[in-house]
N, C-alpha and C. Protein backbone atom coordinates (compact mmCIF):
# COMPACT_ATOMS: atom_id res chain seq x y z
N MET A 1 -43.66 -16.12 5.67
CA MET A 1 -43.27 -15.08 4.74
C MET A 1 -42.29 -14.10 5.40
N LEU A 2 -42.63 -13.70 6.63
CA LEU A 2 -41.76 -12.77 7.35
C LEU A 2 -40.38 -13.38 7.60
N LEU A 3 -40.35 -14.67 7.86
CA LEU A 3 -39.08 -15.36 8.08
C LEU A 3 -38.23 -15.36 6.81
N ALA A 4 -38.86 -15.55 5.66
CA ALA A 4 -38.13 -15.54 4.39
C ALA A 4 -37.52 -14.17 4.12
N VAL A 5 -38.27 -13.12 4.40
CA VAL A 5 -37.75 -11.76 4.22
C VAL A 5 -36.57 -11.51 5.15
N ALA A 6 -36.67 -11.97 6.39
CA ALA A 6 -35.58 -11.79 7.36
C ALA A 6 -34.33 -12.54 6.90
N VAL A 7 -34.51 -13.75 6.36
CA VAL A 7 -33.36 -14.53 5.89
C VAL A 7 -32.70 -13.84 4.70
N VAL A 8 -33.49 -13.34 3.77
CA VAL A 8 -32.94 -12.64 2.60
C VAL A 8 -32.19 -11.38 3.03
N LEU A 9 -32.78 -10.60 3.92
CA LEU A 9 -32.11 -9.38 4.39
C LEU A 9 -30.81 -9.69 5.12
N THR A 10 -30.83 -10.74 5.93
CA THR A 10 -29.61 -11.14 6.63
C THR A 10 -28.53 -11.57 5.64
N GLY A 11 -28.92 -12.30 4.61
CA GLY A 11 -27.97 -12.71 3.58
C GLY A 11 -27.38 -11.53 2.84
N LEU A 12 -28.22 -10.56 2.51
CA LEU A 12 -27.72 -9.36 1.82
C LEU A 12 -26.76 -8.56 2.70
N MET A 13 -27.08 -8.48 3.98
CA MET A 13 -26.18 -7.77 4.90
C MET A 13 -24.84 -8.50 5.01
N GLY A 14 -24.89 -9.83 5.02
CA GLY A 14 -23.66 -10.62 5.07
C GLY A 14 -22.79 -10.40 3.85
N VAL A 15 -23.40 -10.39 2.67
CA VAL A 15 -22.66 -10.15 1.43
C VAL A 15 -22.04 -8.76 1.45
N GLY A 16 -22.77 -7.78 1.93
CA GLY A 16 -22.25 -6.41 2.01
C GLY A 16 -21.06 -6.32 2.95
N LEU A 17 -21.14 -7.01 4.09
CA LEU A 17 -20.02 -6.99 5.04
C LEU A 17 -18.78 -7.67 4.47
N VAL A 18 -18.98 -8.75 3.73
CA VAL A 18 -17.84 -9.45 3.12
C VAL A 18 -17.16 -8.54 2.10
N ARG A 19 -17.95 -7.86 1.30
CA ARG A 19 -17.36 -6.93 0.31
C ARG A 19 -16.63 -5.79 0.99
N LEU A 20 -17.22 -5.25 2.03
CA LEU A 20 -16.59 -4.16 2.78
C LEU A 20 -15.27 -4.63 3.39
N GLY A 21 -15.28 -5.81 3.97
CA GLY A 21 -14.06 -6.36 4.55
C GLY A 21 -12.99 -6.64 3.51
N GLY A 22 -13.40 -7.15 2.35
CA GLY A 22 -12.45 -7.41 1.27
C GLY A 22 -11.79 -6.14 0.77
N GLY A 23 -12.57 -5.07 0.69
CA GLY A 23 -12.02 -3.78 0.27
C GLY A 23 -11.02 -3.25 1.28
N ALA A 24 -11.32 -3.43 2.56
CA ALA A 24 -10.41 -2.96 3.61
C ALA A 24 -9.10 -3.73 3.57
N VAL A 25 -9.17 -5.03 3.32
CA VAL A 25 -7.96 -5.85 3.24
C VAL A 25 -7.12 -5.42 2.04
N ALA A 26 -7.75 -5.23 0.89
CA ALA A 26 -7.01 -4.81 -0.31
C ALA A 26 -6.39 -3.44 -0.11
N ARG A 27 -7.10 -2.54 0.56
CA ARG A 27 -6.56 -1.19 0.84
C ARG A 27 -5.33 -1.29 1.74
N ALA A 28 -5.39 -2.10 2.77
CA ALA A 28 -4.25 -2.27 3.67
C ALA A 28 -3.07 -2.91 2.95
N GLN A 29 -3.34 -3.91 2.11
CA GLN A 29 -2.26 -4.54 1.34
C GLN A 29 -1.62 -3.55 0.38
N ALA A 30 -2.43 -2.71 -0.24
CA ALA A 30 -1.89 -1.72 -1.18
C ALA A 30 -0.99 -0.73 -0.46
N HIS A 31 -1.40 -0.27 0.72
CA HIS A 31 -0.58 0.69 1.47
C HIS A 31 0.74 0.04 1.92
N ALA A 32 0.67 -1.19 2.38
CA ALA A 32 1.89 -1.89 2.80
C ALA A 32 2.83 -2.10 1.62
N ALA A 33 2.27 -2.49 0.48
CA ALA A 33 3.09 -2.71 -0.71
C ALA A 33 3.71 -1.41 -1.20
N ALA A 34 2.95 -0.32 -1.14
CA ALA A 34 3.48 0.98 -1.58
C ALA A 34 4.62 1.43 -0.67
N ASP A 35 4.45 1.28 0.63
CA ASP A 35 5.52 1.67 1.56
C ASP A 35 6.80 0.87 1.29
N ALA A 36 6.65 -0.45 1.15
CA ALA A 36 7.82 -1.30 0.92
C ALA A 36 8.47 -0.99 -0.43
N ALA A 37 7.65 -0.78 -1.46
CA ALA A 37 8.20 -0.49 -2.79
C ALA A 37 8.92 0.86 -2.79
N ALA A 38 8.39 1.85 -2.08
CA ALA A 38 9.06 3.15 -2.03
C ALA A 38 10.41 3.04 -1.33
N LEU A 39 10.47 2.30 -0.25
CA LEU A 39 11.75 2.11 0.45
C LEU A 39 12.76 1.38 -0.44
N ALA A 40 12.30 0.32 -1.10
CA ALA A 40 13.20 -0.42 -2.00
C ALA A 40 13.64 0.45 -3.17
N GLY A 41 12.73 1.24 -3.71
CA GLY A 41 13.07 2.11 -4.83
C GLY A 41 14.05 3.18 -4.44
N ALA A 42 13.91 3.73 -3.24
CA ALA A 42 14.85 4.76 -2.77
C ALA A 42 16.24 4.16 -2.59
N ALA A 43 16.31 2.91 -2.18
CA ALA A 43 17.60 2.28 -1.93
C ALA A 43 18.24 1.75 -3.21
N ASP A 44 17.42 1.12 -4.09
CA ASP A 44 18.01 0.39 -5.22
C ASP A 44 17.35 0.63 -6.57
N GLY A 45 16.47 1.61 -6.69
CA GLY A 45 15.91 1.97 -7.99
C GLY A 45 14.62 1.27 -8.36
N ARG A 46 14.20 1.55 -9.59
CA ARG A 46 12.90 1.09 -10.08
C ARG A 46 12.75 -0.42 -10.07
N ALA A 47 13.79 -1.14 -10.50
CA ALA A 47 13.69 -2.60 -10.56
C ALA A 47 13.41 -3.19 -9.18
N ALA A 48 14.05 -2.64 -8.16
CA ALA A 48 13.83 -3.12 -6.80
C ALA A 48 12.41 -2.80 -6.35
N ALA A 49 11.93 -1.60 -6.67
CA ALA A 49 10.56 -1.22 -6.31
C ALA A 49 9.56 -2.15 -6.98
N GLN A 50 9.80 -2.47 -8.24
CA GLN A 50 8.89 -3.35 -8.97
C GLN A 50 8.90 -4.76 -8.39
N ALA A 51 10.08 -5.25 -8.03
CA ALA A 51 10.19 -6.59 -7.45
C ALA A 51 9.49 -6.68 -6.10
N VAL A 52 9.67 -5.66 -5.28
CA VAL A 52 9.04 -5.65 -3.95
C VAL A 52 7.53 -5.52 -4.09
N ALA A 53 7.06 -4.71 -5.01
CA ALA A 53 5.62 -4.59 -5.23
C ALA A 53 5.05 -5.95 -5.66
N ALA A 54 5.71 -6.62 -6.59
CA ALA A 54 5.24 -7.92 -7.05
C ALA A 54 5.25 -8.95 -5.93
N ALA A 55 6.27 -8.91 -5.08
CA ALA A 55 6.34 -9.83 -3.94
C ALA A 55 5.19 -9.60 -2.97
N ASN A 56 4.63 -8.40 -2.98
CA ASN A 56 3.49 -8.06 -2.12
C ASN A 56 2.17 -8.14 -2.89
N HIS A 57 2.16 -8.85 -4.00
CA HIS A 57 0.96 -9.05 -4.82
C HIS A 57 0.37 -7.74 -5.32
N ALA A 58 1.25 -6.80 -5.67
CA ALA A 58 0.82 -5.49 -6.17
C ALA A 58 1.48 -5.24 -7.52
N THR A 59 0.90 -4.30 -8.24
CA THR A 59 1.45 -3.87 -9.52
C THR A 59 1.97 -2.45 -9.36
N LEU A 60 3.23 -2.23 -9.73
CA LEU A 60 3.80 -0.89 -9.68
C LEU A 60 3.27 -0.10 -10.87
N GLU A 61 2.51 0.95 -10.60
CA GLU A 61 1.93 1.76 -11.68
C GLU A 61 2.72 3.02 -11.94
N ARG A 62 3.41 3.51 -10.93
CA ARG A 62 4.16 4.77 -11.10
C ARG A 62 5.43 4.70 -10.25
N PHE A 63 6.52 5.13 -10.85
CA PHE A 63 7.78 5.26 -10.13
C PHE A 63 8.38 6.58 -10.60
N GLU A 64 8.57 7.49 -9.69
CA GLU A 64 9.09 8.81 -10.06
C GLU A 64 10.12 9.26 -9.04
N VAL A 65 11.21 9.78 -9.56
CA VAL A 65 12.25 10.36 -8.69
C VAL A 65 12.08 11.87 -8.74
N ILE A 66 11.86 12.46 -7.57
CA ILE A 66 11.69 13.91 -7.45
C ILE A 66 12.75 14.40 -6.47
N GLY A 67 13.82 14.94 -7.00
CA GLY A 67 14.93 15.34 -6.13
C GLY A 67 15.53 14.11 -5.48
N SER A 68 15.54 14.09 -4.16
CA SER A 68 16.06 12.91 -3.46
C SER A 68 14.94 12.00 -2.98
N ASP A 69 13.71 12.26 -3.42
CA ASP A 69 12.55 11.45 -3.04
C ASP A 69 12.18 10.50 -4.17
N VAL A 70 11.65 9.36 -3.79
CA VAL A 70 11.05 8.41 -4.72
C VAL A 70 9.57 8.33 -4.38
N VAL A 71 8.73 8.47 -5.40
CA VAL A 71 7.28 8.38 -5.22
C VAL A 71 6.79 7.21 -6.05
N VAL A 72 6.04 6.31 -5.41
CA VAL A 72 5.48 5.16 -6.12
C VAL A 72 3.97 5.12 -5.93
N THR A 73 3.32 4.54 -6.92
CA THR A 73 1.91 4.21 -6.81
C THR A 73 1.77 2.75 -7.18
N VAL A 74 1.07 2.00 -6.34
CA VAL A 74 0.85 0.58 -6.61
C VAL A 74 -0.64 0.30 -6.60
N ARG A 75 -0.99 -0.85 -7.20
CA ARG A 75 -2.39 -1.29 -7.22
C ARG A 75 -2.46 -2.72 -6.71
N VAL A 76 -3.42 -2.95 -5.81
CA VAL A 76 -3.79 -4.29 -5.37
C VAL A 76 -5.28 -4.41 -5.61
N ALA A 77 -5.66 -5.33 -6.46
CA ALA A 77 -7.07 -5.48 -6.87
C ALA A 77 -7.53 -4.13 -7.42
N SER A 78 -8.57 -3.55 -6.85
CA SER A 78 -9.05 -2.25 -7.35
C SER A 78 -8.57 -1.08 -6.50
N GLU A 79 -7.69 -1.36 -5.55
CA GLU A 79 -7.22 -0.32 -4.63
C GLU A 79 -5.84 0.19 -5.04
N ARG A 80 -5.68 1.52 -5.02
CA ARG A 80 -4.38 2.15 -5.29
C ARG A 80 -3.86 2.78 -4.02
N ALA A 81 -2.53 2.82 -3.92
CA ALA A 81 -1.89 3.50 -2.79
C ALA A 81 -0.61 4.16 -3.28
N GLU A 82 -0.28 5.28 -2.68
CA GLU A 82 0.93 6.02 -3.04
C GLU A 82 1.80 6.13 -1.79
N ALA A 83 3.11 6.08 -2.00
CA ALA A 83 4.05 6.25 -0.89
C ALA A 83 5.27 6.99 -1.40
N ARG A 84 5.97 7.62 -0.48
CA ARG A 84 7.16 8.41 -0.79
C ARG A 84 8.26 8.01 0.19
N SER A 85 9.47 7.95 -0.33
CA SER A 85 10.63 7.64 0.50
C SER A 85 11.80 8.49 0.03
N ARG A 86 12.65 8.84 0.94
CA ARG A 86 13.81 9.66 0.62
C ARG A 86 15.04 8.78 0.44
N ALA A 87 15.74 9.00 -0.65
CA ALA A 87 16.95 8.25 -0.94
C ALA A 87 18.12 8.86 -0.18
N GLY A 88 19.07 8.02 0.17
CA GLY A 88 20.28 8.51 0.83
C GLY A 88 20.25 8.25 2.33
N LEU A 89 21.39 8.47 2.91
CA LEU A 89 21.53 8.24 4.35
C LEU A 89 21.24 9.50 5.14
N ILE A 90 20.69 9.30 6.30
CA ILE A 90 20.48 10.40 7.23
C ILE A 90 21.67 10.39 8.17
N PRO A 91 22.34 11.52 8.33
CA PRO A 91 23.52 11.52 9.21
C PRO A 91 23.13 11.21 10.64
N PRO A 92 24.01 10.49 11.36
CA PRO A 92 23.70 10.18 12.75
C PRO A 92 23.70 11.46 13.60
N PRO A 93 22.98 11.40 14.71
CA PRO A 93 22.95 12.59 15.56
C PRO A 93 24.34 12.87 16.15
N SER A 94 24.56 14.12 16.44
CA SER A 94 25.84 14.53 17.04
C SER A 94 25.96 13.94 18.43
N PRO A 95 27.16 13.45 18.80
CA PRO A 95 27.33 12.88 20.14
C PRO A 95 27.10 13.91 21.24
N THR A 96 27.25 15.16 20.93
CA THR A 96 27.03 16.19 21.95
C THR A 96 25.58 16.63 22.00
N GLY A 97 24.75 16.12 21.10
CA GLY A 97 23.34 16.49 21.09
C GLY A 97 23.10 17.75 20.31
N PRO A 98 21.83 18.12 20.18
CA PRO A 98 21.50 19.34 19.43
C PRO A 98 22.01 20.58 20.15
N ARG A 99 22.27 21.60 19.38
CA ARG A 99 22.78 22.85 19.98
C ARG A 99 21.73 23.89 20.00
């Protein structure tokens, strides 16, 4: 009887760990997809952000331009992630260095 209880508890712990690991993977995928979609959106607009999100197995839920920033929210499975990227070029540093 004690062995059966131990086996059941071990099985439940295993199921819990698998779910926890799956959530962590989806969270990481959502953050990666959001970062990539924000960069693509800042460079080439909403269509690019949507394409990059889809290529990363994510759904683009929000695309917003705020000044020179692009803010996106994506979903992977039940996980959401938001990222921001700035549109435009950053000027190269001065050859003489900062003053």
